[in-house]
C-alpha atoms as a PDB file:
ATOM      1  CA  MET A   1      -0.381   0.037  -0.211  1.00  0.00           C
ATOM      2  CA  TRP A   2       2.921   2.078   0.486  1.00  0.00           C
ATOM      3  CA  THR A   3       4.395   3.107  -2.585  1.00  0.00           C
ATOM      4  CA  GLU A   4       8.339   3.616  -3.427  1.00  0.00           C
ATOM      5  CA  GLY A   5       9.610   6.492  -2.310  1.00  0.00           C
ATOM      6  CA  GLU A   6       6.682   7.076   0.374  1.00  0.00           C
ATOM      7  CA  GLU A   7       8.099   6.850   3.932  1.00  0.00           C
ATOM      8  CA  ALA A   8       7.185   3.320   4.549  1.00  0.00           C
ATOM      9  CA  GLY A   9       7.590   3.909   8.799  1.00  0.00           C
ATOM     10  CA  PRO A  10       8.006   4.184  11.190  1.00  0.00           C
ATOM     11  CA  VAL A  11       5.731   6.548  11.730  1.00  0.00           C
ATOM     12  CA  ARG A  12       2.599   7.177  14.419  1.00  0.00           C
ATOM     13  CA  TRP A  13      -0.203   4.672  14.074  1.00  0.00           C
ATOM     14  CA  HIS A  14      -2.512   7.838  13.552  1.00  0.00           C
ATOM     15  CA  ARG A  15      -1.047   8.335  10.059  1.00  0.00           C
ATOM     16  CA  ALA A  16      -0.288   4.692   9.332  1.00  0.00           C
ATOM     17  CA  MET A  17      -4.059   4.019   9.829  1.00  0.00           C
ATOM     18  CA  GLU A  18      -4.700   6.862   7.630  1.00  0.00           C
ATOM     19  CA  ARG A  19      -2.562   5.912   4.928  1.00  0.00           C
ATOM     20  CA  ALA A  20      -3.586   2.241   5.179  1.00  0.00           C
ATOM     21  CA  LEU A  21      -7.435   2.809   5.324  1.00  0.00           C
ATOM     22  CA  TYR A  22      -8.019   5.935   3.084  1.00  0.00           C
ATOM     23  CA  GLY A  23      -5.314   6.757   1.253  1.00  0.00           C
ATOM     24  CA  PRO A  24      -4.567   5.906  -2.746  1.00  0.00           C
ATOM     25  CA  GLY A  25      -5.990   1.981  -2.406  1.00  0.00           C
ATOM     26  CA  GLY A  26      -6.984   2.364   1.016  1.00  0.00           C
ATOM     27  CA  PHE A  27      -8.794  -0.651   2.501  1.00  0.00           C
ATOM     28  CA  TYR A  28     -11.684   1.774   2.400  1.00  0.00           C
ATOM     29  CA  VAL A  29     -11.472   3.161  -1.070  1.00  0.00           C
ATOM     30  CA  ARG A  30     -10.610   0.871  -3.457  1.00  0.00           C
ATOM     31  CA  PRO A  31     -12.961   0.333  -5.618  1.00  0.00           C
ATOM     32  CA  GLU A  32     -12.420  -3.136  -6.735  1.00  0.00           C
ATOM     33  CA  GLY A  33     -13.876  -6.230  -4.239  1.00  0.00           C
ATOM     34  CA  PRO A  34     -17.147  -6.435  -1.771  1.00  0.00           C
ATOM     35  CA  GLY A  35     -16.040  -3.678   0.376  1.00  0.00           C
ATOM     36  CA  PRO A  36     -16.173  -3.656   4.402  1.00  0.00           C
ATOM     37  CA  ALA A  37     -19.179  -6.248   4.535  1.00  0.00           C
ATOM     38  CA  GLY A  38     -16.608  -8.767   2.341  1.00  0.00           C
ATOM     39  CA  HIS A  39     -14.386  -8.637   5.565  1.00  0.00           C
ATOM     40  CA  PHE A  40     -16.717  -8.193   8.630  1.00  0.00           C
ATOM     41  CA  ARG A  41     -19.915  -8.415   9.550  1.00  0.00           C
ATOM     42  CA  THR A  42     -22.091  -5.140  11.564  1.00  0.00           C
ATOM     43  CA  SER A  43     -25.239  -4.948  12.421  1.00  0.00           C
ATOM     44  CA  VAL A  44     -26.333  -3.638   8.958  1.00  0.00           C
ATOM     45  CA  HIS A  45     -25.259  -7.229   7.558  1.00  0.00           C
ATOM     46  CA  ALA A  46     -26.646  -8.655  10.479  1.00  0.00           C
ATOM     47  CA  SER A  47     -30.415  -8.454   9.705  1.00  0.00           C
ATOM     48  CA  GLY A  48     -32.623  -6.390   8.071  1.00  0.00           C
ATOM     49  CA  LEU A  49     -34.568  -5.613  11.567  1.00  0.00           C
ATOM     50  CA  TYR A  50     -31.645  -3.538  12.501  1.00  0.00           C
ATOM     51  CA  ALA A  51     -32.318  -0.988   9.401  1.00  0.00           C
ATOM     52  CA  GLY A  52     -35.818  -1.180  10.365  1.00  0.00           C
ATOM     53  CA  ALA A  53     -35.118  -0.108  13.910  1.00  0.00           C
ATOM     54  CA  VAL A  54     -33.234   2.679  12.392  1.00  0.00           C
ATOM     55  CA  ALA A  55     -35.955   3.247  10.404  1.00  0.00           C
ATOM     56  CA  ALA A  56     -38.492   3.455  12.959  1.00  0.00           C
ATOM     57  CA  LEU A  57     -36.251   5.901  15.384  1.00  0.00           C
ATOM     58  CA  LEU A  58     -35.947   8.407  12.106  1.00  0.00           C
ATOM     59  CA  GLU A  59     -39.816   8.375  12.373  1.00  0.00           C
ATOM     60  CA  ARG A  60     -39.362   8.797  16.148  1.00  0.00           C
ATOM     61  CA  VAL A  61     -37.347  11.864  15.566  1.00  0.00           C
ATOM     62  CA  ASP A  62     -39.617  12.768  12.459  1.00  0.00           C
ATOM     63  CA  GLU A  63     -42.528  13.177  14.922  1.00  0.00           C
ATOM     64  CA  ALA A  64     -40.077  15.151  17.638  1.00  0.00           C
ATOM     65  CA  LEU A  65     -39.166  17.715  14.952  1.00  0.00           C
ATOM     66  CA  GLY A  66     -42.908  18.223  14.301  1.00  0.00           C
ATOM     67  CA  ARG A  67     -42.892  16.791  10.459  1.00  0.00           C
ATOM     68  CA  PRO A  68     -40.216  19.444   9.029  1.00  0.00           C
ATOM     69  CA  GLU A  69     -41.170  19.332   4.973  1.00  0.00           C
ATOM     70  CA  ARG A  70     -37.290  17.984   4.758  1.00  0.00           C
ATOM     71  CA  LEU A  71     -36.162  15.479   7.213  1.00  0.00           C
ATOM     72  CA  ALA A  72     -32.698  14.373   6.421  1.00  0.00           C
ATOM     73  CA  PHE A  73     -31.105  11.279   7.269  1.00  0.00           C
ATOM     74  CA  VAL A  74     -27.376  11.326   6.896  1.00  0.00           C
ATOM     75  CA  ASP A  75     -25.768   7.792   6.704  1.00  0.00           C
ATOM     76  CA  MET A  76     -22.263   7.938   8.370  1.00  0.00           C
ATOM     77  CA  ALA A  77     -19.552   5.454   6.544  1.00  0.00           C
ATOM     78  CA  ALA A  78     -22.063   4.563   4.633  1.00  0.00           C
ATOM     79  CA  GLY A  79     -20.673   1.363   3.003  1.00  0.00           C
ATOM     80  CA  ARG A  80     -21.896   0.250  -0.298  1.00  0.00           C
ATOM     81  CA  GLY A  81     -25.302   2.156   0.873  1.00  0.00           C
ATOM     82  CA  GLU A  82     -26.743  -0.940   2.801  1.00  0.00           C
ATOM     83  CA  LEU A  83     -28.026   0.546   5.686  1.00  0.00           C
ATOM     84  CA  VAL A  84     -29.462   3.622   4.153  1.00  0.00           C
ATOM     85  CA  THR A  85     -30.768   1.820   1.160  1.00  0.00           C
ATOM     86  CA  GLY A  86     -32.803  -0.447   3.841  1.00  0.00           C
ATOM     87  CA  VAL A  87     -34.031   2.666   5.913  1.00  0.00           C
ATOM     88  CA  LEU A  88     -35.769   4.030   2.962  1.00  0.00           C
ATOM     89  CA  ALA A  89     -37.276   0.922   2.255  1.00  0.00           C
ATOM     90  CA  ALA A  90     -38.397   0.601   5.830  1.00  0.00           C
ATOM     91  CA  LEU A  91     -40.258   3.875   6.060  1.00  0.00           C
ATOM     92  CA  GLY A  92     -43.742   4.795   6.039  1.00  0.00           C
ATOM     93  CA  PRO A  93     -45.242   6.587   3.778  1.00  0.00           C
ATOM     94  CA  GLN A  94     -45.877   9.507   5.947  1.00  0.00           C
ATOM     95  CA  THR A  95     -41.778  10.327   6.783  1.00  0.00           C
ATOM     96  CA  ALA A  96     -41.084   8.599   3.141  1.00  0.00           C
ATOM     97  CA  GLY A  97     -41.624  11.286   0.868  1.00  0.00           C
ATOM     98  CA  ARG A  98     -39.945  13.872   2.466  1.00  0.00           C
ATOM     99  CA  VAL A  99     -36.558  12.213   3.568  1.00  0.00           C
ATOM    100  CA  ARG A 100     -33.532  13.280   1.880  1.00  0.00           C
ATOM    101  CA  PRO A 101     -31.067  10.796   2.557  1.00  0.00           C
ATOM    102  CA  TYR A 102     -27.553  11.498   2.327  1.00  0.00           C
ATOM    103  CA  ALA A 103     -24.239   8.664   2.533  1.00  0.00           C
ATOM    104  CA  VAL A 104     -21.347  10.404   3.578  1.00  0.00           C
ATOM    105  CA  GLU A 105     -18.630   7.728   2.743  1.00  0.00           C
ATOM    106  CA  ARG A 106     -14.882   8.316   1.460  1.00  0.00           C
ATOM    107  CA  ALA A 107     -15.074   5.491  -1.465  1.00  0.00           C
ATOM    108  CA  ALA A 108     -16.955   6.358  -4.783  1.00  0.00           C
ATOM    109  CA  ARG A 109     -20.311   5.849  -5.226  1.00  0.00           C
ATOM    110  CA  PRO A 110     -21.613   2.210  -5.388  1.00  0.00           C
ATOM    111  CA  ALA A 111     -23.442   1.108  -8.835  1.00  0.00           C
ATOM    112  CA  GLY A 112     -27.297   0.861  -8.480  1.00  0.00           C
ATOM    113  CA  LEU A 113     -27.570   3.142  -5.132  1.00  0.00           C
ATOM    114  CA  ASP A 114     -31.153   4.408  -5.492  1.00  0.00           C
ATOM    115  CA  GLU A 115     -31.063   7.989  -7.142  1.00  0.00           C
ATOM    116  CA  ARG A 116     -32.546   9.846  -3.933  1.00  0.00           C
ATOM    117  CA  VAL A 117     -29.613   9.256  -2.087  1.00  0.00           C
ATOM    118  CA  ARG A 118     -26.954  12.214  -2.168  1.00  0.00           C
ATOM    119  CA  TRP A 119     -23.551  10.448  -1.795  1.00  0.00           C
ATOM    120  CA  LEU A 120     -20.773  12.827   0.195  1.00  0.00           C
ATOM    121  CA  PRO A 121     -17.500  12.890   1.193  1.00  0.00           C
ATOM    122  CA  GLU A 122     -18.411  14.751   4.079  1.00  0.00           C
ATOM    123  CA  PRO A 123     -21.493  15.175   6.188  1.00  0.00           C
ATOM    124  CA  PRO A 124     -24.121  18.164   4.894  1.00  0.00           C
ATOM    125  CA  ALA A 125     -24.336  21.704   6.896  1.00  0.00           C
ATOM    126  CA  GLY A 126     -27.472  22.871   8.659  1.00  0.00           C
ATOM    127  CA  VAL A 127     -29.626  19.819   8.206  1.00  0.00           C
ATOM    128  CA  THR A 128     -32.758  18.764  10.201  1.00  0.00           C
ATOM    129  CA  GLY A 129     -33.145  14.864  10.820  1.00  0.00           C
ATOM    130  CA  LEU A 130     -31.299  11.978  12.195  1.00  0.00           C
ATOM    131  CA  LEU A 131     -27.539  11.558  11.630  1.00  0.00           C
ATOM    132  CA  PHE A 132     -26.665   7.288  12.299  1.00  0.00           C
ATOM    133  CA  ALA A 133     -22.682   6.921  12.494  1.00  0.00           C
ATOM    134  CA  ASN A 134     -22.759   2.808  12.565  1.00  0.00           C
ATOM    135  CA  GLU A 135     -18.992   1.334  13.548  1.00  0.00           C
ATOM    136  CA  TRP A 136     -17.615   4.769  11.917  1.00  0.00           C
ATOM    137  CA  LEU A 137     -16.151   6.250  14.633  1.00  0.00           C
ATOM    138  CA  ASP A 138     -13.396   2.730  15.570  1.00  0.00           C
ATOM    139  CA  ASN A 139     -12.082   3.474  11.824  1.00  0.00           C
ATOM    140  CA  VAL A 140     -11.003   7.305  12.760  1.00  0.00           C
ATOM    141  CA  PRO A 141      -7.272   6.642  12.784  1.00  0.00           C
ATOM    142  CA  LEU A 142      -5.437   7.401  16.266  1.00  0.00           C
ATOM    143  CA  ASP A 143      -2.659   6.934  18.108  1.00  0.00           C
ATOM    144  CA  VAL A 144      -1.369   4.580  20.129  1.00  0.00           C
ATOM    145  CA  THR A 145       0.784   4.696  23.302  1.00  0.00           C
ATOM    146  CA  GLU A 146       2.901   2.347  25.296  1.00  0.00           C
ATOM    147  CA  ASP A 147       4.473   3.045  28.928  1.00  0.00           C
ATOM    148  CA  GLY A 148       3.882   6.769  28.149  1.00  0.00           C
ATOM    149  CA  ARG A 149       5.684   6.967  24.393  1.00  0.00           C
ATOM    150  CA  TYR A 150       3.953   7.122  21.288  1.00  0.00           C
ATOM    151  CA  VAL A 151       4.423   3.456  19.323  1.00  0.00           C
ATOM    152  CA  LEU A 152       5.925   4.071  15.885  1.00  0.00           C
ATOM    153  CA  VAL A 153       4.634   1.236  13.245  1.00  0.00           C
ATOM    154  CA  CYS A 154       6.143   0.318  10.075  1.00  0.00           C
ATOM    155  CA  ALA A 155       4.297  -0.546   7.129  1.00  0.00           C
ATOM    156  CA  ASP A 156       4.490  -4.805   8.130  1.00  0.00           C
ATOM    157  CA  GLY A 157       3.418  -4.086  11.392  1.00  0.00           C
ATOM    158  CA  ALA A 158       6.437  -3.787  13.177  1.00  0.00           C
ATOM    159  CA  GLU A 159       6.547  -1.550  15.904  1.00  0.00           C
ATOM    160  CA  SER A 160       8.599   0.291  18.263  1.00  0.00           C
ATOM    161  CA  PRO A 161       9.014   3.047  20.770  1.00  0.00           C
ATOM    162  CA  GLY A 162       8.705   6.560  20.089  1.00  0.00           C
ATOM    163  CA  GLU A 163       8.925  10.312  21.972  1.00  0.00           C
ATOM    164  CA  GLU A 164       6.617  10.370  25.199  1.00  0.00           C
ATOM    165  CA  VAL A 165       3.364  11.813  24.892  1.00  0.00           C
ATOM    166  CA  THR A 166       2.777  15.558  25.480  1.00  0.00           C
ATOM    167  CA  GLY A 167       0.664  18.257  25.296  1.00  0.00           C
ATOM    168  CA  ALA A 168      -3.429  17.488  23.980  1.00  0.00           C
ATOM    169  CA  ASP A 169      -2.489  14.026  23.674  1.00  0.00           C
ATOM    170  CA  LEU A 170      -1.423  13.999  27.182  1.00  0.00           C
ATOM    171  CA  ALA A 171      -4.605  16.002  28.599  1.00  0.00           C
ATOM    172  CA  TRP A 172      -6.691  13.323  27.487  1.00  0.00           C
ATOM    173  CA  LEU A 173      -4.999  10.379  28.605  1.00  0.00           C
ATOM    174  CA  GLU A 174      -4.693  12.244  32.148  1.00  0.00           C
ATOM    175  CA  ARG A 175      -8.458  12.861  32.001  1.00  0.00           C
ATOM    176  CA  TRP A 176      -9.813   9.947  30.012  1.00  0.00           C
ATOM    177  CA  TRP A 177      -8.113   6.838  30.453  1.00  0.00           C
ATOM    178  CA  PRO A 178      -6.561   6.041  34.116  1.00  0.00           C
ATOM    179  CA  GLY A 179      -3.112   4.140  33.977  1.00  0.00           C
ATOM    180  CA  TRP A 180      -2.143   4.868  30.598  1.00  0.00           C
ATOM    181  CA  ARG A 181       1.702   5.345  31.563  1.00  0.00           C
ATOM    182  CA  THR A 182       1.637   1.449  32.515  1.00  0.00           C
ATOM    183  CA  GLY A 183       0.632  -0.989  29.188  1.00  0.00           C
ATOM    184  CA  ARG A 184      -0.781   0.328  26.534  1.00  0.00           C
ATOM    185  CA  ALA A 185      -3.333   2.995  25.459  1.00  0.00           C
ATOM    186  CA  GLU A 186      -5.277   4.450  22.601  1.00  0.00           C
ATOM    187  CA  ILE A 187      -5.669   8.247  21.721  1.00  0.00           C
ATOM    188  CA  GLY A 188      -9.561   9.153  21.468  1.00  0.00           C
ATOM    189  CA  ARG A 189      -9.015  12.948  20.749  1.00  0.00           C
ATOM    190  CA  PRO A 190      -9.315  12.285  17.199  1.00  0.00           C
ATOM    191  CA  ARG A 191     -12.754  10.799  17.486  1.00  0.00           C
ATOM    192  CA  ASP A 192     -14.459  13.116  20.197  1.00  0.00           C
ATOM    193  CA  GLU A 193     -13.017  15.817  17.200  1.00  0.00           C
ATOM    194  CA  ALA A 194     -14.897  13.211  14.074  1.00  0.00           C
ATOM    195  CA  TRP A 195     -17.552  13.511  16.344  1.00  0.00           C
ATOM    196  CA  ALA A 196     -18.255  16.672  17.608  1.00  0.00           C
ATOM    197  CA  ALA A 197     -17.903  17.598  13.935  1.00  0.00           C
ATOM    198  CA  ALA A 198     -19.762  15.427  12.260  1.00  0.00           C
ATOM    199  CA  ALA A 199     -23.057  16.052  15.149  1.00  0.00           C
ATOM    200  CA  GLY A 200     -22.310  19.803  14.398  1.00  0.00           C
ATOM    201  CA  CYS A 201     -23.704  19.413  10.719  1.00  0.00           C
ATOM    202  CA  LEU A 202     -27.133  19.147  12.658  1.00  0.00           C
ATOM    203  CA  GLU A 203     -29.465  22.282  13.370  1.00  0.00           C
ATOM    204  CA  ARG A 204     -32.126  20.544  14.884  1.00  0.00           C
ATOM    205  CA  GLY A 205     -32.328  16.630  15.618  1.00  0.00           C
ATOM    206  CA  LEU A 206     -30.242  13.465  16.722  1.00  0.00           C
ATOM    207  CA  ALA A 207     -27.145  12.267  16.410  1.00  0.00           C
ATOM    208  CA  VAL A 208     -26.421   8.745  17.368  1.00  0.00           C
ATOM    209  CA  ALA A 209     -23.000   6.953  16.831  1.00  0.00           C
ATOM    210  CA  VAL A 210     -23.208   3.116  17.620  1.00  0.00           C
ATOM    211  CA  ASP A 211     -19.591   1.307  18.170  1.00  0.00           C
ATOM    212  CA  TYR A 212     -17.301  -1.037  20.068  1.00  0.00           C
ATOM    213  CA  ALA A 213     -16.957   1.127  23.287  1.00  0.00           C
ATOM    214  CA  HIS A 214     -15.347   0.664  27.050  1.00  0.00           C
ATOM    215  CA  ALA A 215     -15.792   3.125  29.430  1.00  0.00           C
ATOM    216  CA  ARG A 216     -13.379   5.790  31.570  1.00  0.00           C
ATOM    217  CA  ASP A 217     -13.518   3.319  34.584  1.00  0.00           C
ATOM    218  CA  ALA A 218     -12.569  -0.108  32.502  1.00  0.00           C
ATOM    219  CA  ARG A 219     -10.542   0.826  30.168  1.00  0.00           C
ATOM    220  CA  PRO A 220      -8.129  -2.270  28.814  1.00  0.00           C
ATOM    221  CA  PRO A 221      -5.284  -2.542  30.108  1.00  0.00           C
ATOM    222  CA  TYR A 222      -3.076  -3.404  26.695  1.00  0.00           C
ATOM    223  CA  GLY A 223      -5.637  -1.256  24.212  1.00  0.00           C
ATOM    224  CA  THR A 224      -7.763  -2.767  21.327  1.00  0.00           C
ATOM    225  CA  LEU A 225      -6.090  -2.299  18.050  1.00  0.00           C
ATOM    226  CA  THR A 226      -6.702  -4.668  15.998  1.00  0.00           C
ATOM    227  CA  GLY A 227      -6.940  -5.713  12.500  1.00  0.00           C
ATOM    228  CA  PHE A 228     -10.035  -7.655  10.112  1.00  0.00           C
ATOM    229  CA  ARG A 229      -9.531  -9.814   6.658  1.00  0.00           C
ATOM    230  CA  GLU A 230     -12.022 -11.797   5.180  1.00  0.00           C
ATOM    231  CA  GLY A 231     -14.198 -12.344   8.511  1.00  0.00           C
ATOM    232  CA  ARG A 232     -11.222 -13.186  10.629  1.00  0.00           C
ATOM    233  CA  GLU A 233      -9.417 -11.108  13.151  1.00  0.00           C
ATOM    234  CA  VAL A 234      -5.773 -10.521  12.363  1.00  0.00           C
ATOM    235  CA  ARG A 235      -2.939  -9.159  13.388  1.00  0.00           C
ATOM    236  CA  PRO A 236      -2.782  -4.858  12.621  1.00  0.00           C
ATOM    237  CA  VAL A 237      -0.426  -4.504   9.462  1.00  0.00           C
ATOM    238  CA  PRO A 238      -1.014  -0.706   7.774  1.00  0.00           C
ATOM    239  CA  ASP A 239      -0.569  -1.845   4.514  1.00  0.00           C
ATOM    240  CA  GLY A 240      -3.826  -1.408   3.013  1.00  0.00           C
ATOM    241  CA  GLY A 241      -4.927  -5.050   2.957  1.00  0.00           C
ATOM    242  CA  CYS A 242      -6.972  -5.364   6.029  1.00  0.00           C
ATOM    243  CA  ASP A 243      -9.353  -3.360   8.079  1.00  0.00           C
ATOM    244  CA  VAL A 244      -7.772  -1.627  11.465  1.00  0.00           C
ATOM    245  CA  THR A 245      -9.805  -0.251  13.809  1.00  0.00           C
ATOM    246  CA  ALA A 246      -9.655   0.122  17.735  1.00  0.00           C
ATOM    247  CA  HIS A 247     -13.026   0.392  20.046  1.00  0.00           C
ATOM    248  CA  VAL A 248     -14.203   4.201  21.024  1.00  0.00           C
ATOM    249  CA  ALA A 249     -14.010   5.612  24.560  1.00  0.00           C
ATOM    250  CA  LEU A 250     -17.649   7.068  23.949  1.00  0.00           C
ATOM    251  CA  ASP A 251     -17.896   8.767  27.134  1.00  0.00           C
ATOM    252  CA  ALA A 252     -14.938  10.805  26.136  1.00  0.00           C
ATOM    253  CA  CYS A 253     -16.869  11.361  23.179  1.00  0.00           C
ATOM    254  CA  ALA A 254     -20.336  12.428  24.446  1.00  0.00           C
ATOM    255  CA  GLY A 255     -21.285  16.025  24.407  1.00  0.00           C
ATOM    256  CA  PRO A 256     -23.384  17.907  27.334  1.00  0.00           C
ATOM    257  CA  GLY A 257     -26.778  15.939  27.439  1.00  0.00           C
ATOM    258  CA  ALA A 258     -25.566  13.019  25.931  1.00  0.00           C
ATOM    259  CA  ARG A 259     -26.758   9.820  26.863  1.00  0.00           C
ATOM    260  CA  LEU A 260     -25.419   6.355  26.741  1.00  0.00           C
ATOM    261  CA  LEU A 261     -27.381   3.237  25.917  1.00  0.00           C
ATOM    262  CA  THR A 262     -26.262  -0.751  24.999  1.00  0.00           C
ATOM    263  CA  GLN A 263     -27.458  -1.597  21.562  1.00  0.00           C
ATOM    264  CA  ARG A 264     -29.622  -4.270  23.325  1.00  0.00           C
ATOM    265  CA  GLU A 265     -31.207  -1.352  25.438  1.00  0.00           C
ATOM    266  CA  ALA A 266     -31.519   1.012  22.131  1.00  0.00           C
ATOM    267  CA  LEU A 267     -33.116  -2.071  19.824  1.00  0.00           C
ATOM    268  CA  THR A 268     -35.508  -3.240  22.818  1.00  0.00           C
ATOM    269  CA  ALA A 269     -37.050   0.331  22.755  1.00  0.00           C
ATOM    270  CA  LEU A 270     -37.541   0.429  19.252  1.00  0.00           C
ATOM    271  CA  GLY A 271     -39.410  -2.732  19.399  1.00  0.00           C
ATOM    272  CA  VAL A 272     -36.628  -5.345  18.448  1.00  0.00           C
ATOM    273  CA  SER A 273     -37.377  -8.482  20.450  1.00  0.00           C
ATOM    274  CA  GLY A 274     -35.669 -11.440  20.557  1.00  0.00           C
ATOM    275  CA  SER A 275     -39.079 -13.758  22.305  1.00  0.00           C
ATOM    276  CA  ARG A 276     -39.753 -16.416  20.541  1.00  0.00           C
ATOM    277  CA  PRO A 277     -43.422 -16.641  18.507  1.00  0.00           C
ATOM    278  CA  PRO A 278     -46.455 -18.515  20.716  1.00  0.00           C
ATOM    279  CA  LEU A 279     -46.747 -22.381  19.623  1.00  0.00           C
ATOM    280  CA  THR A 280     -50.265 -22.137  18.897  1.00  0.00           C
ATOM    281  CA  LEU A 281     -49.220 -19.806  15.620  1.00  0.00           C
ATOM    282  CA  ALA A 282     -47.012 -23.220  14.406  1.00  0.00           C
ATOM    283  CA  SER A 283     -50.827 -25.167  13.553  1.00  0.00           C
ATOM    284  CA  SER A 284     -52.723 -21.696  13.151  1.00  0.00           C
ATOM    285  CA  ASP A 285     -50.390 -20.266  10.199  1.00  0.00           C
ATOM    286  CA  PRO A 286     -47.222 -22.196  10.415  1.00  0.00           C
ATOM    287  CA  THR A 287     -45.833 -20.372   7.205  1.00  0.00           C
ATOM    288  CA  ALA A 288     -46.068 -17.045   9.858  1.00  0.00           C
ATOM    289  CA  TYR A 289     -44.868 -19.409  12.581  1.00  0.00           C
ATOM    290  CA  VAL A 290     -41.095 -20.127  10.673  1.00  0.00           C
ATOM    291  CA  ARG A 291     -41.429 -16.262   9.384  1.00  0.00           C
ATOM    292  CA  ALA A 292     -41.645 -15.252  12.920  1.00  0.00           C
ATOM    293  CA  LEU A 293     -39.107 -17.853  14.592  1.00  0.00           C
ATOM    294  CA  SER A 294     -36.619 -16.793  12.422  1.00  0.00           C
ATOM    295  CA  ALA A 295     -36.820 -12.700  13.046  1.00  0.00           C
ATOM    296  CA  ALA A 296     -36.695 -13.556  16.738  1.00  0.00           C
ATOM    297  CA  GLY A 297     -33.326 -15.403  15.821  1.00  0.00           C
ATOM    298  CA  GLU A 298     -31.855 -12.397  14.204  1.00  0.00           C
ATOM    299  CA  ALA A 299     -33.481 -10.005  17.035  1.00  0.00           C
ATOM    300  CA  ALA A 300     -31.614 -12.191  19.665  1.00  0.00           C
ATOM    301  CA  GLU A 301     -28.349 -11.763  17.568  1.00  0.00           C
ATOM    302  CA  LEU A 302     -28.122  -7.861  17.427  1.00  0.00           C
ATOM    303  CA  THR A 303     -29.278  -7.751  21.397  1.00  0.00           C
ATOM    304  CA  ALA A 304     -26.876 -10.684  22.176  1.00  0.00           C
ATOM    305  CA  ARG A 305     -25.280 -10.327  25.604  1.00  0.00           C
ATOM    306  CA  GLY A 306     -21.233 -10.363  24.679  1.00  0.00           C
ATOM    307  CA  GLY A 307     -21.962  -9.725  21.218  1.00  0.00           C
ATOM    308  CA  LEU A 308     -23.653  -6.839  18.978  1.00  0.00           C
ATOM    309  CA  GLY A 309     -25.958  -6.517  22.132  1.00  0.00           C
ATOM    310  CA  ASP A 310     -23.420  -4.821  23.913  1.00  0.00           C
ATOM    311  CA  PHE A 311     -22.343  -2.259  21.020  1.00  0.00           C
ATOM    312  CA  GLY A 312     -22.624   1.218  22.817  1.00  0.00           C
ATOM    313  CA  TRP A 313     -25.119   3.734  21.310  1.00  0.00           C
ATOM    314  CA  LEU A 314     -24.268   7.441  22.306  1.00  0.00           C
ATOM    315  CA  LEU A 315     -27.565   9.798  21.239  1.00  0.00           C
ATOM    316  CA  GLU A 316     -27.244  13.445  21.475  1.00  0.00           C
ATOM    317  CA  GLY A 317     -30.008  15.399  20.706  1.00  0.00           C
ATOM    318  CA  ARG A 318     -30.388  19.074  18.991  1.00  0.00           C
ATOM    319  CA  GLY A 319     -32.827  20.949  19.853  1.00  0.00           C
ATOM    320  CA  ILE A 320     -35.557  17.955  20.910  1.00  0.00           C
ATOM    321  CA  GLY A 321     -36.278  16.145  23.745  1.00  0.00           C
ATOM    322  CA  SER A 322     -36.012  12.146  24.303  1.00  0.00           C
ATOM    323  CA  VAL A 323     -37.182   9.961  21.647  1.00  0.00           C
ATOM    324  CA  LEU A 324     -35.481   6.902  22.934  1.00  0.00           C
END
């Protein structure tokens, strides 16, 4: 991925991630291949129930906003447009006709995407509606520290110690990562800034970030930086051949008045239930029973403890009350 004549390292992890994921030929921007869905499975890919729940949330936001003439749905890190496509299909007629869908992604627009969807490299400014960022922040590049020093990395993944941490990075670690001077830590400051900028595109509405997360009182002592390739977790090598990701300190991203929920709590509130259908349905309508049983299985995966249900949901409202 790093071309001839270009510095191959060692550099800080932030710079290495940026090039590996979003530079020329990077993991997320290369035109060939199946895209991120070919390497890891998110809630969007696990079940259409997820897009249905996001559509239900958008309709709640619509109602709380007084049903504006134009209602934005902003899909951050849209991949190949799977979520925005599912949301548009699930919306009720009262909302669908007023929705203005946006997909924010650095990769090129995929063929066949609904022509209503505006494909943008950055979120639109001054819109009213719902901004939804599913597994975006974990791919915002960050720096890694070990024993109080920046960690440097080469294109082949080999690491070495760098200079001592100072300045704004030091201040962030002192506030948000207890014990960071021993072991490894990940400086979430770029994620905080990226989230504030994205949520700031809303004039009114709700901004939601969903991701792998950890809290201040339970930061992992050796960090979470890892890679994914073709459905398997692999060593994080910043050469463009695999995803490079780290869990998110969502509590640090949260602005004033923000709420933090688990995905299990959020989806349950949006009507996603893993409860099995009554056995009587199997006798009265076997086909409906099979469909309901399948949906219950998918819902159980989306809300499972120790799995997708433990993902964090960060909700920030702007000019509206609670909708969840």
